[in-house]
Amino acid sequence: QQFKDDVRYIHQQDKKHNRSLTTFIIKPSDGSQGEGIYLLRDPAHCIVTNRQHVAQEYIDRPLLINGLKFDLRIYVLILNLYPLEIFLYDEGLVRFATVGYKAPSTENLHQTYMHLTNYSLNKHSASYKHTSDNKQGEGSKRKLSSVWIQLSNIYGNEKIERTKTLITEMINKTILAILPELRVEYEFELPLGKKQNISCFQ
């Protein structure tokens, strides 16, 4: 009920300031592969279940490539907590939606191939395009390096390098924020006597 009340209040503020109504994206906190994700504008359409969900304001003016939404999959390895060692992979993945993007409306909120970029969903779309090794600038799932090049050609190398720096800073700050909890879990799972024999990491 609290969430519904919050949505109504936010929409009242939207109307007061002559803004379009805020759209929300709802995700199960224990979900994966796009399962259970939906967009919501009318609080009456909120699906009540026993699962916990995360509700976020939906970014309705995203950066697009060729008219499609996309997200960046950037991989980070925490090799050690004492001392903290973090490695950021140079390569990653970029996942694309498969239907041209339009701002959310009552008519298109349900169009997952437009609003969501999850591979597990979009691979079933009739518009899904496989990426071949010799066509890295095409396809619905591409190498991060190819997309960086494409974006550099559009916006200039300086802006893209700045974006990479901001991403790295965000990763560092996120890991530092959860570091105390990670160390507590580490101590619990690996008592002092066992740490000498660690031969793998997860």
N, C-alpha and C. Protein backbone atom coordinates (compact mmCIF):
# COMPACT_ATOMS: atom_id res chain seq x y z
N GLN A 1 0.82 -1.20 0.00
CA GLN A 1 0.00 0.00 0.00
C GLN A 1 0.86 1.27 0.00
N GLN A 2 1.98 1.21 0.71
CA GLN A 2 2.86 2.37 0.77
C GLN A 2 3.35 2.78 -0.62
N PHE A 3 3.72 1.77 -1.42
CA PHE A 3 4.20 2.07 -2.77
C PHE A 3 3.11 2.73 -3.61
N LYS A 4 1.89 2.21 -3.52
CA LYS A 4 0.79 2.79 -4.28
C LYS A 4 0.55 4.24 -3.88
N ASP A 5 0.62 4.51 -2.59
CA ASP A 5 0.45 5.88 -2.11
C ASP A 5 1.57 6.78 -2.62
N ASP A 6 2.78 6.23 -2.64
CA ASP A 6 3.93 7.01 -3.15
C ASP A 6 3.74 7.35 -4.63
N VAL A 7 3.27 6.38 -5.40
CA VAL A 7 3.05 6.62 -6.84
C VAL A 7 2.01 7.70 -7.04
N ARG A 8 0.93 7.63 -6.28
CA ARG A 8 -0.12 8.65 -6.41
C ARG A 8 0.42 10.04 -6.08
N TYR A 9 1.23 10.12 -5.04
CA TYR A 9 1.80 11.41 -4.66
C TYR A 9 2.73 11.95 -5.75
N ILE A 10 3.58 11.07 -6.29
CA ILE A 10 4.50 11.49 -7.36
C ILE A 10 3.73 11.96 -8.58
N HIS A 11 2.65 11.26 -8.91
CA HIS A 11 1.84 11.66 -10.07
C HIS A 11 1.14 12.99 -9.82
N GLN A 12 0.75 13.25 -8.58
CA GLN A 12 0.17 14.55 -8.25
C GLN A 12 1.18 15.67 -8.50
N GLN A 13 2.43 15.41 -8.11
CA GLN A 13 3.49 16.39 -8.35
C GLN A 13 3.77 16.56 -9.84
N ASP A 14 3.70 15.44 -10.59
CA ASP A 14 3.88 15.52 -12.04
C ASP A 14 2.84 16.45 -12.66
N LYS A 15 1.58 16.27 -12.27
CA LYS A 15 0.50 17.09 -12.82
C LYS A 15 0.65 18.54 -12.40
N LYS A 16 1.05 18.75 -11.16
CA LYS A 16 1.23 20.11 -10.64
C LYS A 16 2.26 20.88 -11.44
N HIS A 17 3.31 20.18 -11.88
CA HIS A 17 4.40 20.84 -12.61
C HIS A 17 4.33 20.59 -14.12
N ASN A 18 3.16 20.12 -14.58
CA ASN A 18 2.93 19.90 -16.02
C ASN A 18 3.95 18.96 -16.65
N ARG A 19 4.29 17.91 -15.90
CA ARG A 19 5.20 16.88 -16.42
C ARG A 19 4.39 15.66 -16.83
N SER A 20 4.96 14.86 -17.72
CA SER A 20 4.32 13.58 -18.05
C SER A 20 4.40 12.68 -16.83
N LEU A 21 3.44 11.80 -16.68
CA LEU A 21 3.38 10.94 -15.50
C LEU A 21 4.59 10.02 -15.43
N THR A 22 5.18 9.95 -14.26
CA THR A 22 6.35 9.10 -14.05
C THR A 22 5.98 7.63 -14.24
N THR A 23 6.83 6.92 -14.94
CA THR A 23 6.67 5.47 -15.12
C THR A 23 7.66 4.77 -14.20
N PHE A 24 7.27 3.61 -13.68
CA PHE A 24 8.13 2.84 -12.79
C PHE A 24 8.41 1.47 -13.39
N ILE A 25 9.60 0.97 -13.12
CA ILE A 25 9.95 -0.40 -13.51
C ILE A 25 10.04 -1.23 -12.24
N ILE A 26 9.35 -2.34 -12.23
CA ILE A 26 9.23 -3.20 -11.05
C ILE A 26 9.98 -4.50 -11.31
N LYS A 27 10.90 -4.85 -10.40
CA LYS A 27 11.73 -6.04 -10.57
C LYS A 27 11.70 -6.89 -9.31
N PRO A 28 11.52 -8.22 -9.44
CA PRO A 28 11.66 -9.09 -8.26
C PRO A 28 13.09 -9.00 -7.73
N SER A 29 13.24 -8.86 -6.43
CA SER A 29 14.59 -8.72 -5.86
C SER A 29 15.39 -10.00 -5.97
N ASP A 30 14.70 -11.14 -6.15
CA ASP A 30 15.40 -12.43 -6.27
C ASP A 30 15.28 -12.99 -7.68
N GLY A 31 14.96 -12.16 -8.64
CA GLY A 31 14.74 -12.64 -10.00
C GLY A 31 16.00 -12.59 -10.85
N SER A 32 15.89 -13.14 -12.05
CA SER A 32 16.98 -13.12 -13.02
C SER A 32 16.41 -13.32 -14.41
N GLN A 33 17.21 -13.00 -15.42
CA GLN A 33 16.86 -13.23 -16.82
C GLN A 33 15.57 -12.52 -17.24
N GLY A 34 15.28 -11.41 -16.59
CA GLY A 34 14.11 -10.62 -16.99
C GLY A 34 12.79 -11.14 -16.49
N GLU A 35 12.81 -12.22 -15.74
CA GLU A 35 11.57 -12.85 -15.27
C GLU A 35 10.88 -11.95 -14.25
N GLY A 36 9.59 -11.71 -14.47
CA GLY A 36 8.79 -10.96 -13.50
C GLY A 36 8.94 -9.46 -13.54
N ILE A 37 9.65 -8.91 -14.54
CA ILE A 37 9.84 -7.47 -14.63
C ILE A 37 8.68 -6.86 -15.43
N TYR A 38 8.16 -5.75 -14.95
CA TYR A 38 7.12 -5.06 -15.70
C TYR A 38 7.17 -3.56 -15.44
N LEU A 39 6.58 -2.80 -16.37
CA LEU A 39 6.47 -1.35 -16.22
C LEU A 39 5.10 -0.99 -15.69
N LEU A 40 5.05 0.08 -14.92
CA LEU A 40 3.80 0.44 -14.26
C LEU A 40 3.65 1.95 -14.24
N ARG A 41 2.44 2.39 -14.52
CA ARG A 41 2.13 3.81 -14.39
C ARG A 41 0.92 3.99 -13.46
N ASP A 42 -0.06 3.13 -13.60
CA ASP A 42 -1.25 3.18 -12.75
C ASP A 42 -1.02 2.30 -11.52
N PRO A 43 -1.03 2.87 -10.30
CA PRO A 43 -0.79 2.06 -9.10
C PRO A 43 -1.78 0.93 -8.92
N ALA A 44 -2.96 1.05 -9.53
CA ALA A 44 -3.95 -0.02 -9.43
C ALA A 44 -3.49 -1.28 -10.14
N HIS A 45 -2.52 -1.14 -11.05
CA HIS A 45 -2.02 -2.29 -11.81
C HIS A 45 -0.83 -2.98 -11.13
N CYS A 46 -0.50 -2.54 -9.94
CA CYS A 46 0.60 -3.17 -9.20
C CYS A 46 0.24 -4.62 -8.87
N ILE A 47 1.12 -5.54 -9.22
CA ILE A 47 0.87 -6.97 -8.99
C ILE A 47 1.35 -7.34 -7.59
N VAL A 48 0.43 -7.75 -6.74
CA VAL A 48 0.76 -8.08 -5.35
C VAL A 48 1.10 -9.57 -5.26
N THR A 49 2.30 -9.89 -4.81
CA THR A 49 2.73 -11.28 -4.61
C THR A 49 3.44 -11.39 -3.27
N ASN A 50 3.88 -12.59 -2.94
CA ASN A 50 4.63 -12.80 -1.70
C ASN A 50 6.11 -12.47 -1.86
N ARG A 51 6.55 -12.19 -3.08
CA ARG A 51 7.96 -11.89 -3.33
C ARG A 51 8.25 -10.42 -3.07
N GLN A 52 9.49 -10.15 -2.68
CA GLN A 52 9.92 -8.76 -2.55
C GLN A 52 10.30 -8.22 -3.92
N HIS A 53 10.03 -6.95 -4.13
CA HIS A 53 10.33 -6.31 -5.40
C HIS A 53 11.08 -5.00 -5.18
N VAL A 54 11.79 -4.60 -6.21
CA VAL A 54 12.45 -3.30 -6.22
C VAL A 54 11.71 -2.43 -7.24
N ALA A 55 11.35 -1.22 -6.84
CA ALA A 55 10.66 -0.28 -7.73
C ALA A 55 11.59 0.90 -8.00
N GLN A 56 11.77 1.21 -9.27
CA GLN A 56 12.63 2.33 -9.66
C GLN A 56 11.91 3.22 -10.65
N GLU A 57 12.26 4.49 -10.63
CA GLU A 57 11.75 5.36 -11.69
C GLU A 57 12.35 4.91 -13.01
N TYR A 58 11.52 4.77 -14.01
CA TYR A 58 11.97 4.31 -15.33
C TYR A 58 12.55 5.49 -16.10
N ILE A 59 13.76 5.34 -16.60
CA ILE A 59 14.39 6.39 -17.40
C ILE A 59 13.74 6.39 -18.78
N ASP A 60 12.94 7.41 -19.04
CA ASP A 60 12.15 7.40 -20.27
C ASP A 60 12.80 8.14 -21.43
N ARG A 61 14.02 8.66 -21.21
CA ARG A 61 14.78 9.27 -22.32
C ARG A 61 16.19 8.67 -22.33
N PRO A 62 16.30 7.38 -22.61
CA PRO A 62 17.61 6.72 -22.57
C PRO A 62 18.43 7.04 -23.81
N LEU A 63 19.74 6.84 -23.69
CA LEU A 63 20.60 6.91 -24.87
C LEU A 63 20.27 5.73 -25.77
N LEU A 64 20.16 5.99 -27.05
CA LEU A 64 19.81 4.95 -28.02
C LEU A 64 20.91 4.78 -29.05
N ILE A 65 21.02 3.58 -29.57
CA ILE A 65 21.87 3.31 -30.74
C ILE A 65 20.96 2.75 -31.82
N ASN A 66 20.91 3.44 -32.94
CA ASN A 66 20.03 3.04 -34.04
C ASN A 66 18.58 2.88 -33.57
N GLY A 67 18.18 3.75 -32.64
CA GLY A 67 16.80 3.75 -32.17
C GLY A 67 16.47 2.69 -31.15
N LEU A 68 17.47 1.94 -30.68
CA LEU A 68 17.24 0.84 -29.75
C LEU A 68 17.85 1.11 -28.38
N LYS A 69 17.14 0.68 -27.34
CA LYS A 69 17.71 0.71 -26.00
C LYS A 69 18.82 -0.32 -25.89
N PHE A 70 19.77 -0.07 -24.98
CA PHE A 70 20.84 -1.04 -24.76
C PHE A 70 21.34 -0.90 -23.33
N ASP A 71 22.01 -1.94 -22.86
CA ASP A 71 22.69 -1.84 -21.56
C ASP A 71 24.10 -2.40 -21.67
N LEU A 72 24.93 -2.01 -20.74
CA LEU A 72 26.33 -2.45 -20.72
C LEU A 72 26.50 -3.51 -19.64
N ARG A 73 27.09 -4.64 -20.02
CA ARG A 73 27.46 -5.68 -19.06
C ARG A 73 28.96 -5.55 -18.83
N ILE A 74 29.33 -5.02 -17.67
CA ILE A 74 30.74 -4.80 -17.35
C ILE A 74 31.12 -5.72 -16.20
N TYR A 75 32.20 -6.45 -16.36
CA TYR A 75 32.56 -7.51 -15.42
C TYR A 75 33.71 -7.09 -14.52
N VAL A 76 33.53 -7.34 -13.23
CA VAL A 76 34.49 -6.94 -12.21
C VAL A 76 34.85 -8.17 -11.38
N LEU A 77 36.13 -8.33 -11.10
CA LEU A 77 36.61 -9.43 -10.26
C LEU A 77 37.19 -8.86 -8.98
N ILE A 78 36.65 -9.31 -7.85
CA ILE A 78 37.25 -8.98 -6.55
C ILE A 78 38.14 -10.16 -6.19
N LEU A 79 39.43 -9.97 -6.34
CA LEU A 79 40.37 -11.07 -6.15
C LEU A 79 40.72 -11.27 -4.68
N ASN A 80 40.73 -10.18 -3.93
CA ASN A 80 41.17 -10.27 -2.54
C ASN A 80 40.49 -9.18 -1.73
N LEU A 81 40.20 -9.50 -0.47
CA LEU A 81 39.64 -8.50 0.44
C LEU A 81 40.67 -7.97 1.41
N TYR A 82 41.76 -8.69 1.59
CA TYR A 82 42.84 -8.30 2.53
C TYR A 82 44.19 -8.42 1.82
N PRO A 83 44.73 -7.39 1.20
CA PRO A 83 44.11 -6.08 0.95
C PRO A 83 43.12 -6.17 -0.20
N LEU A 84 42.33 -5.15 -0.36
CA LEU A 84 41.33 -5.14 -1.42
C LEU A 84 42.00 -5.07 -2.79
N GLU A 85 41.67 -6.05 -3.65
CA GLU A 85 42.17 -6.07 -5.03
C GLU A 85 40.99 -6.22 -5.97
N ILE A 86 40.84 -5.26 -6.87
CA ILE A 86 39.72 -5.25 -7.80
C ILE A 86 40.27 -5.19 -9.22
N PHE A 87 39.71 -6.03 -10.09
CA PHE A 87 40.11 -6.01 -11.50
C PHE A 87 38.88 -5.77 -12.36
N LEU A 88 39.00 -4.84 -13.29
CA LEU A 88 37.93 -4.52 -14.22
C LEU A 88 38.30 -5.06 -15.59
N TYR A 89 37.46 -5.91 -16.13
CA TYR A 89 37.74 -6.51 -17.43
C TYR A 89 37.63 -5.46 -18.54
N ASP A 90 38.55 -5.51 -19.49
CA ASP A 90 38.51 -4.58 -20.62
C ASP A 90 37.32 -4.86 -21.53
N GLU A 91 36.99 -6.12 -21.68
CA GLU A 91 35.90 -6.52 -22.57
C GLU A 91 34.63 -6.79 -21.76
N GLY A 92 33.51 -6.59 -22.41
CA GLY A 92 32.22 -6.87 -21.78
C GLY A 92 31.20 -7.13 -22.87
N LEU A 93 29.93 -7.03 -22.50
CA LEU A 93 28.85 -7.27 -23.44
C LEU A 93 27.89 -6.09 -23.45
N VAL A 94 27.26 -5.89 -24.58
CA VAL A 94 26.20 -4.90 -24.70
C VAL A 94 24.97 -5.60 -25.24
N ARG A 95 23.86 -5.48 -24.52
CA ARG A 95 22.63 -6.16 -24.89
C ARG A 95 21.62 -5.12 -25.39
N PHE A 96 20.99 -5.45 -26.50
CA PHE A 96 20.06 -4.51 -27.14
C PHE A 96 18.62 -5.01 -27.07
N ALA A 97 17.70 -4.06 -26.94
CA ALA A 97 16.30 -4.37 -27.16
C ALA A 97 16.13 -4.66 -28.65
N THR A 98 15.01 -5.24 -29.01
CA THR A 98 14.83 -5.65 -30.41
C THR A 98 13.67 -4.95 -31.11
N VAL A 99 13.04 -4.02 -30.42
CA VAL A 99 11.98 -3.20 -31.02
C VAL A 99 12.34 -1.74 -30.79
N GLY A 100 12.21 -0.91 -31.82
CA GLY A 100 12.55 0.50 -31.72
C GLY A 100 11.88 1.18 -30.54
N TYR A 101 12.65 2.01 -29.85
CA TYR A 101 12.17 2.60 -28.60
C TYR A 101 11.19 3.74 -28.82
N LYS A 102 10.16 3.76 -27.98
CA LYS A 102 9.24 4.89 -27.87
C LYS A 102 9.03 5.17 -26.39
N ALA A 103 8.83 6.43 -26.05
CA ALA A 103 8.59 6.77 -24.65
C ALA A 103 7.41 5.97 -24.11
N PRO A 104 7.46 5.55 -22.85
CA PRO A 104 6.40 4.71 -22.30
C PRO A 104 5.03 5.38 -22.36
N SER A 105 4.05 4.60 -22.75
CA SER A 105 2.67 5.07 -22.81
C SER A 105 1.77 3.91 -22.41
N THR A 106 0.52 4.20 -22.20
CA THR A 106 -0.44 3.14 -21.83
C THR A 106 -0.45 2.05 -22.88
N GLU A 107 -0.23 2.43 -24.15
CA GLU A 107 -0.31 1.47 -25.25
C GLU A 107 0.92 0.57 -25.34
N ASN A 108 2.08 1.01 -24.87
CA ASN A 108 3.29 0.20 -25.09
C ASN A 108 3.98 -0.28 -23.81
N LEU A 109 3.41 -0.03 -22.64
CA LEU A 109 4.07 -0.46 -21.40
C LEU A 109 4.36 -1.96 -21.38
N HIS A 110 3.53 -2.73 -22.07
CA HIS A 110 3.66 -4.19 -22.04
C HIS A 110 4.67 -4.71 -23.07
N GLN A 111 5.24 -3.85 -23.89
CA GLN A 111 6.14 -4.30 -24.96
C GLN A 111 7.55 -4.53 -24.41
N THR A 112 7.78 -5.72 -23.92
CA THR A 112 9.06 -6.03 -23.27
C THR A 112 10.23 -5.95 -24.24
N TYR A 113 10.01 -6.28 -25.51
CA TYR A 113 11.11 -6.23 -26.48
C TYR A 113 11.55 -4.80 -26.77
N MET A 114 10.73 -3.84 -26.40
CA MET A 114 11.07 -2.43 -26.58
C MET A 114 11.75 -1.86 -25.34
N HIS A 115 11.24 -2.21 -24.17
CA HIS A 115 11.69 -1.56 -22.93
C HIS A 115 12.76 -2.33 -22.16
N LEU A 116 12.86 -3.63 -22.38
CA LEU A 116 13.83 -4.44 -21.64
C LEU A 116 14.92 -4.94 -22.58
N THR A 117 16.13 -5.04 -22.05
CA THR A 117 17.27 -5.44 -22.87
C THR A 117 17.76 -6.85 -22.55
N ASN A 118 17.09 -7.54 -21.64
CA ASN A 118 17.55 -8.87 -21.23
C ASN A 118 17.64 -9.82 -22.41
N TYR A 119 18.80 -10.47 -22.54
CA TYR A 119 19.01 -11.42 -23.63
C TYR A 119 18.01 -12.56 -23.57
N SER A 120 17.74 -13.06 -22.36
CA SER A 120 16.85 -14.21 -22.20
C SER A 120 15.44 -13.93 -22.71
N LEU A 121 15.06 -12.66 -22.74
CA LEU A 121 13.75 -12.28 -23.29
C LEU A 121 13.85 -12.02 -24.79
N ASN A 122 14.81 -11.19 -25.18
CA ASN A 122 14.87 -10.72 -26.56
C ASN A 122 15.29 -11.80 -27.56
N LYS A 123 15.91 -12.86 -27.09
CA LYS A 123 16.30 -13.93 -28.02
C LYS A 123 15.08 -14.60 -28.65
N HIS A 124 13.90 -14.41 -28.04
CA HIS A 124 12.67 -14.98 -28.60
C HIS A 124 11.97 -14.02 -29.56
N SER A 125 12.51 -12.81 -29.69
CA SER A 125 11.89 -11.83 -30.57
C SER A 125 12.17 -12.16 -32.04
N ALA A 126 11.19 -11.91 -32.88
CA ALA A 126 11.38 -12.13 -34.32
C ALA A 126 12.44 -11.19 -34.89
N SER A 127 12.72 -10.10 -34.18
CA SER A 127 13.70 -9.11 -34.65
C SER A 127 15.09 -9.33 -34.07
N TYR A 128 15.27 -10.39 -33.30
CA TYR A 128 16.59 -10.64 -32.70
C TYR A 128 17.61 -10.94 -33.80
N LYS A 129 18.79 -10.30 -33.69
CA LYS A 129 19.85 -10.49 -34.69
C LYS A 129 21.09 -11.08 -34.02
N HIS A 130 21.55 -12.19 -34.56
CA HIS A 130 22.78 -12.80 -34.05
C HIS A 130 23.99 -12.00 -34.55
N THR A 131 25.02 -11.97 -33.73
CA THR A 131 26.23 -11.22 -34.07
C THR A 131 27.31 -12.18 -34.53
N SER A 132 27.85 -11.95 -35.71
CA SER A 132 28.95 -12.78 -36.20
C SER A 132 30.27 -12.09 -35.87
N ASP A 133 31.36 -12.86 -35.88
CA ASP A 133 32.68 -12.33 -35.53
C ASP A 133 33.11 -11.19 -36.45
N ASN A 134 32.69 -11.23 -37.69
CA ASN A 134 33.12 -10.20 -38.64
C ASN A 134 32.12 -9.05 -38.76
N LYS A 135 31.10 -9.05 -37.91
CA LYS A 135 30.12 -7.96 -37.89
C LYS A 135 29.82 -7.56 -36.45
N GLN A 136 30.88 -7.12 -35.75
CA GLN A 136 30.72 -6.79 -34.34
C GLN A 136 29.89 -5.54 -34.10
N GLY A 137 29.72 -4.69 -35.11
CA GLY A 137 28.92 -3.48 -34.95
C GLY A 137 27.45 -3.70 -35.19
N GLU A 138 27.06 -4.96 -35.36
CA GLU A 138 25.67 -5.30 -35.60
C GLU A 138 25.23 -6.39 -34.63
N GLY A 139 23.94 -6.64 -34.60
CA GLY A 139 23.44 -7.72 -33.77
C GLY A 139 22.85 -7.22 -32.46
N SER A 140 22.12 -8.11 -31.79
CA SER A 140 21.42 -7.76 -30.56
C SER A 140 22.25 -8.02 -29.31
N LYS A 141 23.42 -8.61 -29.49
CA LYS A 141 24.33 -8.85 -28.36
C LYS A 141 25.75 -8.67 -28.91
N ARG A 142 26.44 -7.62 -28.46
CA ARG A 142 27.71 -7.25 -29.07
C ARG A 142 28.82 -7.12 -28.03
N LYS A 143 30.05 -7.13 -28.52
CA LYS A 143 31.18 -6.87 -27.64
C LYS A 143 31.17 -5.40 -27.21
N LEU A 144 31.52 -5.18 -25.94
CA LEU A 144 31.57 -3.82 -25.42
C LEU A 144 32.54 -2.95 -26.21
N SER A 145 33.68 -3.53 -26.59
CA SER A 145 34.69 -2.75 -27.32
C SER A 145 34.15 -2.19 -28.63
N SER A 146 33.32 -2.96 -29.32
CA SER A 146 32.76 -2.49 -30.59
C SER A 146 31.79 -1.34 -30.38
N VAL A 147 31.06 -1.38 -29.27
CA VAL A 147 30.10 -0.31 -28.99
C VAL A 147 30.82 0.96 -28.53
N TRP A 148 31.92 0.80 -27.76
CA TRP A 148 32.71 1.97 -27.39
C TRP A 148 33.20 2.70 -28.65
N ILE A 149 33.66 1.94 -29.63
CA ILE A 149 34.13 2.54 -30.89
C ILE A 149 32.99 3.27 -31.58
N GLN A 150 31.84 2.63 -31.62
CA GLN A 150 30.67 3.23 -32.28
C GLN A 150 30.26 4.53 -31.58
N LEU A 151 30.25 4.52 -30.25
CA LEU A 151 29.87 5.72 -29.50
C LEU A 151 30.93 6.82 -29.63
N SER A 152 32.20 6.41 -29.69
CA SER A 152 33.27 7.40 -29.88
C SER A 152 33.13 8.12 -31.21
N ASN A 153 32.71 7.38 -32.23
CA ASN A 153 32.52 7.98 -33.55
C ASN A 153 31.37 8.99 -33.54
N ILE A 154 30.41 8.78 -32.65
CA ILE A 154 29.24 9.67 -32.58
C ILE A 154 29.50 10.87 -31.67
N TYR A 155 30.04 10.59 -30.48
CA TYR A 155 30.14 11.63 -29.45
C TYR A 155 31.56 12.13 -29.21
N GLY A 156 32.53 11.49 -29.81
CA GLY A 156 33.91 11.90 -29.60
C GLY A 156 34.59 11.09 -28.52
N ASN A 157 35.87 10.85 -28.70
CA ASN A 157 36.62 10.00 -27.79
C ASN A 157 36.69 10.56 -26.37
N GLU A 158 36.77 11.89 -26.26
CA GLU A 158 36.91 12.51 -24.94
C GLU A 158 35.70 12.21 -24.05
N LYS A 159 34.49 12.30 -24.60
CA LYS A 159 33.29 12.03 -23.82
C LYS A 159 33.22 10.56 -23.40
N ILE A 160 33.63 9.67 -24.29
CA ILE A 160 33.56 8.25 -23.98
C ILE A 160 34.59 7.88 -22.93
N GLU A 161 35.78 8.45 -23.01
CA GLU A 161 36.80 8.19 -21.99
C GLU A 161 36.33 8.70 -20.63
N ARG A 162 35.65 9.85 -20.63
CA ARG A 162 35.09 10.38 -19.39
C ARG A 162 34.03 9.44 -18.84
N THR A 163 33.21 8.89 -19.72
CA THR A 163 32.18 7.93 -19.30
C THR A 163 32.81 6.70 -18.66
N LYS A 164 33.88 6.19 -19.28
CA LYS A 164 34.58 5.03 -18.72
C LYS A 164 35.13 5.35 -17.34
N THR A 165 35.67 6.55 -17.17
CA THR A 165 36.21 6.96 -15.86
C THR A 165 35.10 6.99 -14.82
N LEU A 166 33.95 7.54 -15.18
CA LEU A 166 32.83 7.61 -14.25
C LEU A 166 32.33 6.21 -13.86
N ILE A 167 32.32 5.30 -14.83
CA ILE A 167 31.91 3.92 -14.55
C ILE A 167 32.88 3.28 -13.57
N THR A 168 34.17 3.47 -13.79
CA THR A 168 35.18 2.91 -12.89
C THR A 168 35.02 3.48 -11.48
N GLU A 169 34.78 4.78 -11.38
CA GLU A 169 34.58 5.40 -10.07
C GLU A 169 33.35 4.82 -9.37
N MET A 170 32.29 4.61 -10.13
CA MET A 170 31.07 4.05 -9.56
C MET A 170 31.29 2.63 -9.04
N ILE A 171 32.04 1.84 -9.80
CA ILE A 171 32.36 0.47 -9.38
C ILE A 171 33.15 0.50 -8.08
N ASN A 172 34.18 1.33 -8.02
CA ASN A 172 35.01 1.42 -6.81
C ASN A 172 34.19 1.83 -5.60
N LYS A 173 33.35 2.84 -5.77
CA LYS A 173 32.55 3.34 -4.65
C LYS A 173 31.52 2.30 -4.19
N THR A 174 30.95 1.57 -5.15
CA THR A 174 29.98 0.54 -4.81
C THR A 174 30.63 -0.57 -3.98
N ILE A 175 31.80 -1.02 -4.42
CA ILE A 175 32.49 -2.09 -3.70
C ILE A 175 32.95 -1.61 -2.33
N LEU A 176 33.44 -0.39 -2.24
CA LEU A 176 33.85 0.15 -0.94
C LEU A 176 32.66 0.25 0.01
N ALA A 177 31.47 0.54 -0.53
CA ALA A 177 30.28 0.66 0.32
C ALA A 177 29.88 -0.67 0.94
N ILE A 178 30.10 -1.77 0.20
CA ILE A 178 29.71 -3.09 0.71
C ILE A 178 30.89 -3.87 1.29
N LEU A 179 32.08 -3.26 1.28
CA LEU A 179 33.27 -3.98 1.73
C LEU A 179 33.16 -4.51 3.16
N PRO A 180 32.67 -3.73 4.13
CA PRO A 180 32.55 -4.28 5.49
C PRO A 180 31.69 -5.54 5.55
N GLU A 181 30.58 -5.53 4.81
CA GLU A 181 29.71 -6.71 4.80
C GLU A 181 30.39 -7.89 4.10
N LEU A 182 31.10 -7.62 3.01
CA LEU A 182 31.83 -8.69 2.32
C LEU A 182 32.85 -9.34 3.25
N ARG A 183 33.54 -8.53 4.02
CA ARG A 183 34.56 -9.06 4.92
C ARG A 183 33.95 -9.88 6.04
N VAL A 184 32.78 -9.48 6.53
CA VAL A 184 32.09 -10.26 7.55
C VAL A 184 31.70 -11.63 6.99
N GLU A 185 31.14 -11.64 5.76
CA GLU A 185 30.77 -12.90 5.13
C GLU A 185 31.99 -13.78 4.87
N TYR A 186 33.06 -13.16 4.47
CA TYR A 186 34.31 -13.87 4.20
C TYR A 186 34.82 -14.55 5.47
N GLU A 187 34.80 -13.82 6.57
CA GLU A 187 35.27 -14.38 7.85
C GLU A 187 34.38 -15.54 8.29
N PHE A 188 33.08 -15.42 8.03
CA PHE A 188 32.15 -16.46 8.43
C PHE A 188 32.34 -17.73 7.61
N GLU A 189 32.49 -17.57 6.30
CA GLU A 189 32.59 -18.72 5.40
C GLU A 189 33.97 -19.37 5.45
N LEU A 190 35.00 -18.58 5.71
CA LEU A 190 36.37 -19.09 5.69
C LEU A 190 37.07 -18.73 7.00
N PRO A 191 36.91 -19.57 8.01
CA PRO A 191 37.59 -19.32 9.28
C PRO A 191 39.09 -19.19 9.07
N LEU A 192 39.74 -18.55 10.01
CA LEU A 192 41.16 -18.20 9.88
C LEU A 192 42.04 -19.37 9.48
N GLY A 193 41.81 -20.54 10.05
CA GLY A 193 42.67 -21.69 9.78
C GLY A 193 42.57 -22.21 8.36
N LYS A 194 41.47 -21.90 7.67
CA LYS A 194 41.28 -22.43 6.31
C LYS A 194 41.78 -21.50 5.22
N LYS A 195 42.08 -20.27 5.56
CA LYS A 195 42.42 -19.29 4.54
C LYS A 195 43.74 -19.58 3.85
N GLN A 196 44.60 -20.36 4.50
CA GLN A 196 45.90 -20.65 3.91
C GLN A 196 45.78 -21.56 2.70
N ASN A 197 44.66 -22.30 2.59
CA ASN A 197 44.55 -23.32 1.55
C ASN A 197 43.56 -22.95 0.44
N ILE A 198 43.23 -21.68 0.34
CA ILE A 198 42.28 -21.28 -0.70
C ILE A 198 42.94 -21.42 -2.07
N SER A 199 42.27 -22.15 -2.96
CA SER A 199 42.83 -22.35 -4.30
C SER A 199 41.91 -21.84 -5.39
N CYS A 200 40.80 -21.24 -5.01
CA CYS A 200 39.88 -20.70 -6.01
C CYS A 200 39.12 -19.55 -5.38
N PHE A 201 38.42 -18.82 -6.21
CA PHE A 201 37.61 -17.72 -5.72
C PHE A 201 36.28 -17.75 -6.45
N GLN A 202 35.30 -17.05 -5.90
CA GLN A 202 33.98 -17.00 -6.53
C GLN A 202 33.51 -15.56 -6.56
